[in-house]
């Protein structure tokens, strides 16, 4: 049993979040008080709420397809309809996205694919840039 420092009620240890850096290994506020505090903060500052972030991410799409080049990643060429998400994926794979350039904005995915294929044929690397040669049987 432990007393919550926020509501001053004696509660079971399972009603507190685990926290390794605390002396007892649990937080000082119970879960209920923590939830109330978080909800209050979200209402005070809606820009930090999940809805704000989801709408921000959704607004990164402009309805166009971008053909881009990663300058610091051996001039990797690709296309996407959401630059923010695609750059995050590249960073997760270890690519340096600090300097990328949008080469062209296309209205359709077919136009973007065609330009990307043209650049790959010119020698720029990318996901589909190195086609395997047919195997001889």
Foldseek 3Di string as FASTA:
>chain_A
DAAQPPPRDDDDQVQFDADCVDPVRTDNHGPVVVVVVVVVVCVVPVCPDPVNVVVVQVVQFPQWKWWKFQPQQQGEIDIDRHVVVVVVVCVVVPGDRPDMDGPDTHNDPVVNVVVRQVVLVVPHHYDCSDDDDDDDD
